[in-house]
Amino acid sequence: MPLTIDRHRMIRTIDERIAHTDSPRQRRNLEVLRRHMEGEIAADIDVLISTLSPDCEYRTYGAPEDLSPRGHDEVRAFYAARAELGQLFLEYVIEHLVVDDDAIVTDGVMTTILPGRSMREDMEGFCRLVTRLAIVWPFSPDGLLRGEHSLSSVIALEELAADDVPLELRAAGRSHV
């Protein structure tokens, strides 16, 4: 039976918080984060970049340096590579959401369906990667994201049977690598 991945779940969580946020600055930050997430889901790198300050910096703690791009050009190349590898098909279940004037913090479980070979050379087809993910989303005074500072730990990595590949990936003609 195909897995179901709700790619818009994180956006609904942000929308719920926007609906209950009185602070104009915090609402603006949430709306920018929402637009950033929309860009990730659609693999629309231009939308994603439009949410970032020119001096943006990604930090992926405990990961190789190439997973911590800086500036628009490096971030653009980072997301282009993720899109090319098929690594942007994900669901982020945000369990904790903290919002203040200068940053947003999200914490939850991310499930990503990606080509197995992008994780290990011996993996055929697709795999499911489940991680615990905490992200600090700092904001510049002008209301743009200064990047993403993340820490994650792997909960599970497993190969998927062909029948388990989500229907959306099958419909896109990506049921195999």
N, C-alpha and C. Protein backbone atom coordinates (compact mmCIF):
# COMPACT_ATOMS: atom_id res chain seq x y z
N MET A 1 0.85 -1.18 0.00
CA MET A 1 0.00 0.00 0.00
C MET A 1 0.89 1.24 0.00
N PRO A 2 0.62 2.18 -0.88
CA PRO A 2 1.48 3.38 -0.97
C PRO A 2 1.44 4.21 0.32
N LEU A 3 2.60 4.75 0.64
CA LEU A 3 2.69 5.67 1.78
C LEU A 3 1.99 6.98 1.42
N THR A 4 1.48 7.63 2.43
CA THR A 4 0.88 8.95 2.24
C THR A 4 1.80 9.96 2.90
N ILE A 5 2.22 10.94 2.13
CA ILE A 5 3.06 12.02 2.63
C ILE A 5 2.28 13.32 2.47
N ASP A 6 2.02 13.99 3.56
CA ASP A 6 1.28 15.26 3.54
C ASP A 6 2.29 16.40 3.48
N ARG A 7 2.64 16.79 2.27
CA ARG A 7 3.69 17.79 2.08
C ARG A 7 3.28 19.17 2.59
N HIS A 8 2.00 19.43 2.76
CA HIS A 8 1.52 20.74 3.19
C HIS A 8 1.21 20.81 4.69
N ARG A 9 1.49 19.74 5.38
CA ARG A 9 1.18 19.71 6.82
C ARG A 9 1.89 20.82 7.58
N MET A 10 3.17 21.05 7.28
CA MET A 10 3.92 22.09 7.98
C MET A 10 3.32 23.47 7.72
N ILE A 11 2.81 23.67 6.52
CA ILE A 11 2.21 24.97 6.18
C ILE A 11 0.91 25.17 6.96
N ARG A 12 0.12 24.11 7.10
CA ARG A 12 -1.11 24.24 7.89
C ARG A 12 -0.79 24.59 9.35
N THR A 13 0.29 24.02 9.88
CA THR A 13 0.70 24.35 11.25
C THR A 13 1.04 25.84 11.35
N ILE A 14 1.77 26.34 10.37
CA ILE A 14 2.12 27.77 10.36
C ILE A 14 0.87 28.62 10.20
N ASP A 15 -0.05 28.20 9.32
CA ASP A 15 -1.31 28.94 9.14
C ASP A 15 -2.11 29.03 10.43
N GLU A 16 -2.15 27.92 11.18
CA GLU A 16 -2.88 27.93 12.46
C GLU A 16 -2.27 28.95 13.41
N ARG A 17 -0.95 29.03 13.42
CA ARG A 17 -0.29 29.99 14.32
C ARG A 17 -0.52 31.42 13.84
N ILE A 18 -0.48 31.65 12.52
CA ILE A 18 -0.74 32.98 11.98
C ILE A 18 -2.13 33.46 12.43
N ALA A 19 -3.10 32.57 12.39
CA ALA A 19 -4.47 32.93 12.75
C ALA A 19 -4.61 33.36 14.21
N HIS A 20 -3.65 32.98 15.04
CA HIS A 20 -3.72 33.31 16.47
C HIS A 20 -2.59 34.22 16.93
N THR A 21 -1.96 34.91 15.99
CA THR A 21 -0.84 35.78 16.32
C THR A 21 -1.25 37.23 16.17
N ASP A 22 -1.14 37.99 17.25
CA ASP A 22 -1.53 39.39 17.24
C ASP A 22 -0.38 40.32 16.85
N SER A 23 0.84 39.94 17.15
CA SER A 23 1.99 40.78 16.89
C SER A 23 2.23 40.90 15.38
N PRO A 24 2.22 42.13 14.84
CA PRO A 24 2.46 42.29 13.40
C PRO A 24 3.83 41.75 12.97
N ARG A 25 4.85 41.96 13.78
CA ARG A 25 6.19 41.48 13.40
C ARG A 25 6.25 39.95 13.40
N GLN A 26 5.67 39.34 14.40
CA GLN A 26 5.67 37.88 14.45
C GLN A 26 4.82 37.28 13.32
N ARG A 27 3.71 37.93 13.01
CA ARG A 27 2.86 37.49 11.89
C ARG A 27 3.64 37.58 10.58
N ARG A 28 4.36 38.69 10.39
CA ARG A 28 5.18 38.86 9.18
C ARG A 28 6.21 37.74 9.09
N ASN A 29 6.89 37.44 10.19
CA ASN A 29 7.89 36.38 10.19
C ASN A 29 7.27 35.04 9.82
N LEU A 30 6.12 34.74 10.39
CA LEU A 30 5.42 33.49 10.07
C LEU A 30 5.04 33.43 8.60
N GLU A 31 4.59 34.55 8.06
CA GLU A 31 4.21 34.58 6.64
C GLU A 31 5.41 34.37 5.73
N VAL A 32 6.56 34.92 6.11
CA VAL A 32 7.79 34.71 5.33
C VAL A 32 8.20 33.23 5.41
N LEU A 33 8.14 32.65 6.60
CA LEU A 33 8.47 31.24 6.75
C LEU A 33 7.51 30.38 5.92
N ARG A 34 6.25 30.72 5.91
CA ARG A 34 5.26 29.98 5.12
C ARG A 34 5.64 30.02 3.64
N ARG A 35 5.98 31.20 3.15
CA ARG A 35 6.37 31.35 1.73
C ARG A 35 7.63 30.52 1.44
N HIS A 36 8.57 30.51 2.37
CA HIS A 36 9.79 29.72 2.23
C HIS A 36 9.43 28.23 2.10
N MET A 37 8.56 27.76 2.97
CA MET A 37 8.14 26.36 2.92
C MET A 37 7.41 26.03 1.62
N GLU A 38 6.60 26.96 1.14
CA GLU A 38 5.93 26.75 -0.15
C GLU A 38 6.95 26.58 -1.26
N GLY A 39 8.00 27.38 -1.23
CA GLY A 39 9.06 27.26 -2.23
C GLY A 39 9.74 25.89 -2.16
N GLU A 40 9.95 25.39 -0.96
CA GLU A 40 10.56 24.06 -0.81
C GLU A 40 9.65 22.98 -1.40
N ILE A 41 8.37 23.03 -1.07
CA ILE A 41 7.43 22.01 -1.55
C ILE A 41 7.36 22.01 -3.07
N ALA A 42 7.31 23.19 -3.66
CA ALA A 42 7.18 23.31 -5.11
C ALA A 42 8.52 23.21 -5.83
N ALA A 43 9.62 23.11 -5.08
CA ALA A 43 10.97 23.16 -5.64
C ALA A 43 11.12 24.43 -6.49
N ASP A 44 10.49 25.52 -6.01
CA ASP A 44 10.58 26.82 -6.68
C ASP A 44 11.67 27.62 -5.96
N ILE A 45 12.87 27.51 -6.47
CA ILE A 45 14.03 28.10 -5.81
C ILE A 45 13.95 29.62 -5.80
N ASP A 46 13.35 30.22 -6.82
CA ASP A 46 13.22 31.68 -6.83
C ASP A 46 12.35 32.17 -5.67
N VAL A 47 11.24 31.48 -5.42
CA VAL A 47 10.38 31.85 -4.29
C VAL A 47 11.16 31.69 -2.99
N LEU A 48 11.83 30.58 -2.86
CA LEU A 48 12.60 30.30 -1.66
C LEU A 48 13.67 31.38 -1.41
N ILE A 49 14.42 31.73 -2.44
CA ILE A 49 15.47 32.75 -2.32
C ILE A 49 14.88 34.11 -1.96
N SER A 50 13.67 34.39 -2.45
CA SER A 50 13.05 35.69 -2.16
C SER A 50 12.75 35.88 -0.68
N THR A 51 12.78 34.80 0.10
CA THR A 51 12.50 34.89 1.53
C THR A 51 13.77 35.08 2.36
N LEU A 52 14.94 35.03 1.70
CA LEU A 52 16.23 35.03 2.40
C LEU A 52 16.96 36.36 2.28
N SER A 53 17.59 36.78 3.36
CA SER A 53 18.44 37.97 3.31
C SER A 53 19.69 37.62 2.49
N PRO A 54 20.32 38.63 1.87
CA PRO A 54 21.51 38.35 1.05
C PRO A 54 22.65 37.68 1.82
N ASP A 55 22.75 37.94 3.12
CA ASP A 55 23.82 37.35 3.92
C ASP A 55 23.36 36.09 4.65
N CYS A 56 22.37 35.41 4.08
CA CYS A 56 21.83 34.21 4.74
C CYS A 56 22.89 33.14 4.94
N GLU A 57 22.65 32.35 5.96
CA GLU A 57 23.60 31.29 6.30
C GLU A 57 22.82 30.09 6.82
N TYR A 58 23.07 28.95 6.21
CA TYR A 58 22.50 27.70 6.69
C TYR A 58 23.56 27.00 7.53
N ARG A 59 23.13 26.44 8.64
CA ARG A 59 24.03 25.64 9.46
C ARG A 59 23.33 24.32 9.73
N THR A 60 23.98 23.25 9.35
CA THR A 60 23.48 21.92 9.63
C THR A 60 24.48 21.28 10.57
N TYR A 61 24.20 21.39 11.84
CA TYR A 61 25.16 20.95 12.86
C TYR A 61 25.44 19.46 12.74
N GLY A 62 26.71 19.11 12.80
CA GLY A 62 27.13 17.72 12.74
C GLY A 62 27.17 17.12 11.35
N ALA A 63 26.97 17.94 10.33
CA ALA A 63 26.94 17.45 8.95
C ALA A 63 28.14 18.04 8.17
N PRO A 64 28.44 17.46 7.02
CA PRO A 64 29.53 18.00 6.19
C PRO A 64 29.28 19.47 5.82
N GLU A 65 30.35 20.19 5.59
CA GLU A 65 30.28 21.63 5.31
C GLU A 65 29.41 21.95 4.09
N ASP A 66 29.34 21.04 3.10
CA ASP A 66 28.53 21.33 1.91
C ASP A 66 27.03 21.37 2.21
N LEU A 67 26.62 20.99 3.40
CA LEU A 67 25.22 21.10 3.81
C LEU A 67 24.96 22.38 4.60
N SER A 68 25.94 23.29 4.58
CA SER A 68 25.80 24.57 5.27
C SER A 68 26.15 25.72 4.31
N PRO A 69 25.30 25.94 3.29
CA PRO A 69 25.59 27.00 2.32
C PRO A 69 25.40 28.40 2.92
N ARG A 70 26.09 29.37 2.30
CA ARG A 70 26.01 30.77 2.72
C ARG A 70 25.77 31.64 1.50
N GLY A 71 24.89 32.62 1.65
CA GLY A 71 24.60 33.55 0.57
C GLY A 71 23.66 32.95 -0.46
N HIS A 72 23.05 33.82 -1.25
CA HIS A 72 22.05 33.39 -2.22
C HIS A 72 22.59 32.38 -3.23
N ASP A 73 23.80 32.60 -3.75
CA ASP A 73 24.33 31.70 -4.78
C ASP A 73 24.52 30.29 -4.25
N GLU A 74 25.12 30.15 -3.07
CA GLU A 74 25.33 28.82 -2.50
C GLU A 74 24.01 28.16 -2.11
N VAL A 75 23.08 28.94 -1.57
CA VAL A 75 21.78 28.37 -1.20
C VAL A 75 21.02 27.92 -2.45
N ARG A 76 21.09 28.72 -3.50
CA ARG A 76 20.44 28.34 -4.77
C ARG A 76 21.02 27.02 -5.28
N ALA A 77 22.34 26.90 -5.27
CA ALA A 77 22.98 25.66 -5.73
C ALA A 77 22.61 24.48 -4.82
N PHE A 78 22.53 24.73 -3.53
CA PHE A 78 22.15 23.70 -2.56
C PHE A 78 20.77 23.15 -2.88
N TYR A 79 19.78 24.03 -3.05
CA TYR A 79 18.42 23.57 -3.33
C TYR A 79 18.30 22.97 -4.73
N ALA A 80 19.03 23.50 -5.69
CA ALA A 80 19.01 22.91 -7.03
C ALA A 80 19.52 21.48 -6.99
N ALA A 81 20.58 21.25 -6.22
CA ALA A 81 21.12 19.89 -6.08
C ALA A 81 20.12 18.99 -5.38
N ARG A 82 19.46 19.49 -4.31
CA ARG A 82 18.45 18.68 -3.62
C ARG A 82 17.31 18.33 -4.56
N ALA A 83 16.86 19.30 -5.35
CA ALA A 83 15.77 19.05 -6.30
C ALA A 83 16.20 18.03 -7.35
N GLU A 84 17.41 18.17 -7.87
CA GLU A 84 17.92 17.25 -8.88
C GLU A 84 18.02 15.82 -8.34
N LEU A 85 18.39 15.69 -7.08
CA LEU A 85 18.50 14.38 -6.45
C LEU A 85 17.15 13.82 -6.00
N GLY A 86 16.10 14.63 -6.11
CA GLY A 86 14.78 14.18 -5.68
C GLY A 86 14.61 14.16 -4.18
N GLN A 87 15.26 15.09 -3.49
CA GLN A 87 15.26 15.07 -2.02
C GLN A 87 14.31 16.10 -1.39
N LEU A 88 13.35 16.61 -2.14
CA LEU A 88 12.45 17.61 -1.59
C LEU A 88 11.03 17.10 -1.40
N PHE A 89 10.84 15.79 -1.40
CA PHE A 89 9.52 15.20 -1.19
C PHE A 89 9.43 14.83 0.28
N LEU A 90 8.82 15.70 1.08
CA LEU A 90 8.89 15.54 2.52
C LEU A 90 7.62 15.96 3.23
N GLU A 91 7.52 15.47 4.46
CA GLU A 91 6.46 15.87 5.38
C GLU A 91 7.15 16.24 6.70
N TYR A 92 6.84 17.43 7.19
CA TYR A 92 7.41 17.88 8.47
C TYR A 92 6.26 18.06 9.44
N VAL A 93 6.21 17.20 10.44
CA VAL A 93 5.19 17.28 11.48
C VAL A 93 5.78 18.12 12.60
N ILE A 94 5.37 19.37 12.65
CA ILE A 94 5.89 20.31 13.64
C ILE A 94 5.15 20.08 14.96
N GLU A 95 5.89 19.65 15.96
CA GLU A 95 5.31 19.39 17.28
C GLU A 95 5.47 20.57 18.22
N HIS A 96 6.52 21.35 18.02
CA HIS A 96 6.77 22.54 18.85
C HIS A 96 7.05 23.71 17.91
N LEU A 97 6.39 24.82 18.18
CA LEU A 97 6.56 26.02 17.37
C LEU A 97 6.67 27.20 18.32
N VAL A 98 7.85 27.83 18.32
CA VAL A 98 8.12 28.97 19.19
C VAL A 98 8.37 30.18 18.30
N VAL A 99 7.67 31.27 18.58
CA VAL A 99 7.77 32.46 17.73
C VAL A 99 8.08 33.66 18.60
N ASP A 100 9.12 34.42 18.22
CA ASP A 100 9.34 35.72 18.84
C ASP A 100 9.68 36.71 17.73
N ASP A 101 10.09 37.91 18.09
CA ASP A 101 10.31 38.95 17.09
C ASP A 101 11.51 38.70 16.19
N ASP A 102 12.48 37.91 16.67
CA ASP A 102 13.72 37.74 15.93
C ASP A 102 13.97 36.34 15.39
N ALA A 103 13.15 35.38 15.77
CA ALA A 103 13.37 34.01 15.32
C ALA A 103 12.11 33.17 15.50
N ILE A 104 12.06 32.10 14.74
CA ILE A 104 11.05 31.06 14.90
C ILE A 104 11.82 29.76 15.12
N VAL A 105 11.32 28.93 16.00
CA VAL A 105 11.92 27.62 16.23
C VAL A 105 10.86 26.57 15.97
N THR A 106 11.21 25.60 15.13
CA THR A 106 10.32 24.46 14.89
C THR A 106 11.05 23.20 15.32
N ASP A 107 10.28 22.25 15.80
CA ASP A 107 10.82 20.96 16.21
C ASP A 107 9.77 19.91 15.92
N GLY A 108 10.19 18.81 15.34
CA GLY A 108 9.26 17.74 15.06
C GLY A 108 9.92 16.61 14.30
N VAL A 109 9.10 15.86 13.59
CA VAL A 109 9.57 14.69 12.86
C VAL A 109 9.39 14.95 11.36
N MET A 110 10.49 14.77 10.64
CA MET A 110 10.45 14.93 9.19
C MET A 110 10.60 13.56 8.54
N THR A 111 9.71 13.29 7.60
CA THR A 111 9.79 12.08 6.79
C THR A 111 10.04 12.52 5.35
N THR A 112 11.11 12.00 4.79
CA THR A 112 11.49 12.33 3.42
C THR A 112 11.52 11.04 2.60
N ILE A 113 10.89 11.09 1.44
CA ILE A 113 10.97 9.98 0.49
C ILE A 113 11.94 10.42 -0.58
N LEU A 114 12.99 9.64 -0.77
CA LEU A 114 14.03 10.06 -1.70
C LEU A 114 14.63 8.85 -2.41
N PRO A 115 15.25 9.10 -3.55
CA PRO A 115 15.92 8.00 -4.23
C PRO A 115 16.97 7.38 -3.32
N GLY A 116 16.94 6.07 -3.22
CA GLY A 116 17.86 5.36 -2.34
C GLY A 116 19.31 5.66 -2.63
N ARG A 117 19.65 5.78 -3.90
CA ARG A 117 21.06 6.02 -4.27
C ARG A 117 21.57 7.38 -3.78
N SER A 118 20.66 8.29 -3.46
CA SER A 118 21.13 9.57 -2.93
C SER A 118 21.55 9.43 -1.47
N MET A 119 21.23 8.28 -0.86
CA MET A 119 21.63 8.01 0.52
C MET A 119 22.77 6.99 0.58
N ARG A 120 22.62 5.92 -0.20
CA ARG A 120 23.63 4.86 -0.23
C ARG A 120 23.67 4.26 -1.63
N GLU A 121 24.86 3.99 -2.12
CA GLU A 121 25.02 3.45 -3.47
C GLU A 121 24.32 2.10 -3.66
N ASP A 122 24.20 1.32 -2.60
CA ASP A 122 23.61 -0.01 -2.72
C ASP A 122 22.09 -0.02 -2.60
N MET A 123 21.47 1.15 -2.44
CA MET A 123 20.01 1.21 -2.32
C MET A 123 19.37 1.41 -3.68
N GLU A 124 18.47 0.55 -4.03
CA GLU A 124 17.70 0.66 -5.28
C GLU A 124 16.37 1.34 -4.97
N GLY A 125 15.73 1.87 -5.99
CA GLY A 125 14.40 2.45 -5.80
C GLY A 125 14.42 3.63 -4.85
N PHE A 126 13.39 3.68 -4.02
CA PHE A 126 13.23 4.78 -3.07
C PHE A 126 13.40 4.31 -1.65
N CYS A 127 13.71 5.26 -0.77
CA CYS A 127 13.80 4.96 0.65
C CYS A 127 13.04 6.02 1.43
N ARG A 128 12.77 5.68 2.67
CA ARG A 128 12.13 6.63 3.59
C ARG A 128 13.14 6.94 4.68
N LEU A 129 13.40 8.24 4.84
CA LEU A 129 14.29 8.73 5.87
C LEU A 129 13.43 9.49 6.88
N VAL A 130 13.49 9.06 8.13
CA VAL A 130 12.74 9.72 9.19
C VAL A 130 13.75 10.31 10.17
N THR A 131 13.62 11.61 10.43
CA THR A 131 14.54 12.29 11.34
C THR A 131 13.77 13.12 12.35
N ARG A 132 14.37 13.28 13.51
CA ARG A 132 13.91 14.28 14.47
C ARG A 132 14.63 15.55 14.07
N LEU A 133 13.91 16.64 13.84
CA LEU A 133 14.50 17.85 13.29
C LEU A 133 14.08 19.09 14.06
N ALA A 134 15.08 19.81 14.54
CA ALA A 134 14.85 21.11 15.18
C ALA A 134 15.52 22.16 14.31
N ILE A 135 14.79 23.23 14.01
CA ILE A 135 15.32 24.30 13.18
C ILE A 135 15.10 25.64 13.87
N VAL A 136 16.15 26.43 13.94
CA VAL A 136 16.04 27.83 14.34
C VAL A 136 16.05 28.63 13.04
N TRP A 137 15.02 29.44 12.87
CA TRP A 137 14.86 30.28 11.68
C TRP A 137 15.07 31.74 12.11
N PRO A 138 16.31 32.26 12.08
CA PRO A 138 16.54 33.64 12.50
C PRO A 138 16.09 34.63 11.41
N PHE A 139 15.62 35.79 11.85
CA PHE A 139 15.15 36.82 10.93
C PHE A 139 16.00 38.07 11.01
N SER A 140 16.18 38.73 9.88
CA SER A 140 16.87 40.02 9.83
C SER A 140 15.87 41.11 10.22
N PRO A 141 16.35 42.30 10.57
CA PRO A 141 15.43 43.37 10.96
C PRO A 141 14.43 43.74 9.86
N ASP A 142 14.81 43.49 8.58
CA ASP A 142 13.89 43.82 7.49
C ASP A 142 12.89 42.69 7.18
N GLY A 143 12.88 41.65 8.01
CA GLY A 143 11.86 40.62 7.89
C GLY A 143 12.18 39.47 6.96
N LEU A 144 13.42 39.31 6.59
CA LEU A 144 13.81 38.17 5.76
C LEU A 144 14.53 37.13 6.62
N LEU A 145 14.45 35.90 6.18
CA LEU A 145 15.15 34.84 6.88
C LEU A 145 16.65 35.00 6.73
N ARG A 146 17.36 34.85 7.82
CA ARG A 146 18.82 34.89 7.78
C ARG A 146 19.39 33.50 7.58
N GLY A 147 18.50 32.51 7.40
CA GLY A 147 18.93 31.16 7.12
C GLY A 147 18.16 30.14 7.92
N GLU A 148 18.76 28.98 8.02
CA GLU A 148 18.22 27.87 8.80
C GLU A 148 19.38 27.28 9.60
N HIS A 149 19.17 27.10 10.87
CA HIS A 149 20.17 26.46 11.73
C HIS A 149 19.51 25.21 12.27
N SER A 150 19.96 24.05 11.82
CA SER A 150 19.25 22.82 12.14
C SER A 150 20.13 21.77 12.81
N LEU A 151 19.43 20.95 13.55
CA LEU A 151 20.04 19.80 14.21
C LEU A 151 19.07 18.65 14.04
N SER A 152 19.58 17.53 13.56
CA SER A 152 18.68 16.39 13.35
C SER A 152 19.35 15.10 13.78
N SER A 153 18.51 14.12 14.04
CA SER A 153 19.00 12.78 14.32
C SER A 153 18.12 11.79 13.56
N VAL A 154 18.75 10.79 13.00
CA VAL A 154 18.04 9.80 12.20
C VAL A 154 17.27 8.87 13.13
N ILE A 155 16.00 8.71 12.82
CA ILE A 155 15.16 7.75 13.52
C ILE A 155 15.10 6.45 12.73
N ALA A 156 14.97 6.57 11.40
CA ALA A 156 14.87 5.37 10.56
C ALA A 156 15.30 5.70 9.14
N LEU A 157 15.89 4.71 8.49
CA LEU A 157 16.21 4.77 7.06
C LEU A 157 15.90 3.38 6.53
N GLU A 158 14.94 3.32 5.59
CA GLU A 158 14.55 2.02 5.07
C GLU A 158 14.22 2.10 3.59
N GLU A 159 14.56 1.03 2.89
CA GLU A 159 14.18 0.92 1.49
C GLU A 159 12.68 0.68 1.40
N LEU A 160 12.08 1.23 0.35
CA LEU A 160 10.65 1.04 0.15
C LEU A 160 10.42 0.02 -0.96
N ALA A 161 9.44 -0.81 -0.77
CA ALA A 161 8.99 -1.68 -1.85
C ALA A 161 8.31 -0.79 -2.90
N ALA A 162 8.32 -1.22 -4.13
CA ALA A 162 7.73 -0.42 -5.21
C ALA A 162 6.29 -0.02 -4.90
N ASP A 163 5.52 -0.93 -4.27
CA ASP A 163 4.12 -0.63 -3.94
C ASP A 163 3.97 0.41 -2.84
N ASP A 164 5.04 0.67 -2.09
CA ASP A 164 4.99 1.65 -1.01
C ASP A 164 5.31 3.07 -1.46
N VAL A 165 5.84 3.23 -2.66
CA VAL A 165 6.19 4.56 -3.16
C VAL A 165 4.91 5.39 -3.26
N PRO A 166 4.90 6.59 -2.68
CA PRO A 166 3.69 7.42 -2.72
C PRO A 166 3.17 7.64 -4.14
N LEU A 167 1.85 7.67 -4.25
CA LEU A 167 1.21 7.81 -5.56
C LEU A 167 1.65 9.07 -6.28
N GLU A 168 1.88 10.15 -5.54
CA GLU A 168 2.31 11.41 -6.16
C GLU A 168 3.64 11.25 -6.89
N LEU A 169 4.56 10.48 -6.31
CA LEU A 169 5.83 10.23 -6.98
C LEU A 169 5.64 9.33 -8.19
N ARG A 170 4.78 8.33 -8.06
CA ARG A 170 4.48 7.45 -9.20
C ARG A 170 3.87 8.25 -10.34
N ALA A 171 2.93 9.15 -10.01
CA ALA A 171 2.26 9.95 -11.04
C ALA A 171 3.25 10.85 -11.76
N ALA A 172 4.29 11.26 -11.05
CA ALA A 172 5.30 12.13 -11.65
C ALA A 172 6.31 11.33 -12.47
N GLY A 173 6.09 10.01 -12.56
CA GLY A 173 7.01 9.16 -13.32
C GLY A 173 8.31 8.92 -12.60
N ARG A 174 8.29 9.03 -11.26
CA ARG A 174 9.54 8.87 -10.49
C ARG A 174 9.45 7.67 -9.57
N SER A 175 8.76 6.62 -9.99
CA SER A 175 8.62 5.46 -9.12
C SER A 175 9.88 4.61 -9.07
N HIS A 176 10.88 4.97 -9.84
CA HIS A 176 12.17 4.28 -9.78
C HIS A 176 13.25 5.28 -10.10
N VAL A 177 14.48 4.91 -9.81
CA VAL A 177 15.61 5.81 -10.03
C VAL A 177 16.35 5.36 -11.27
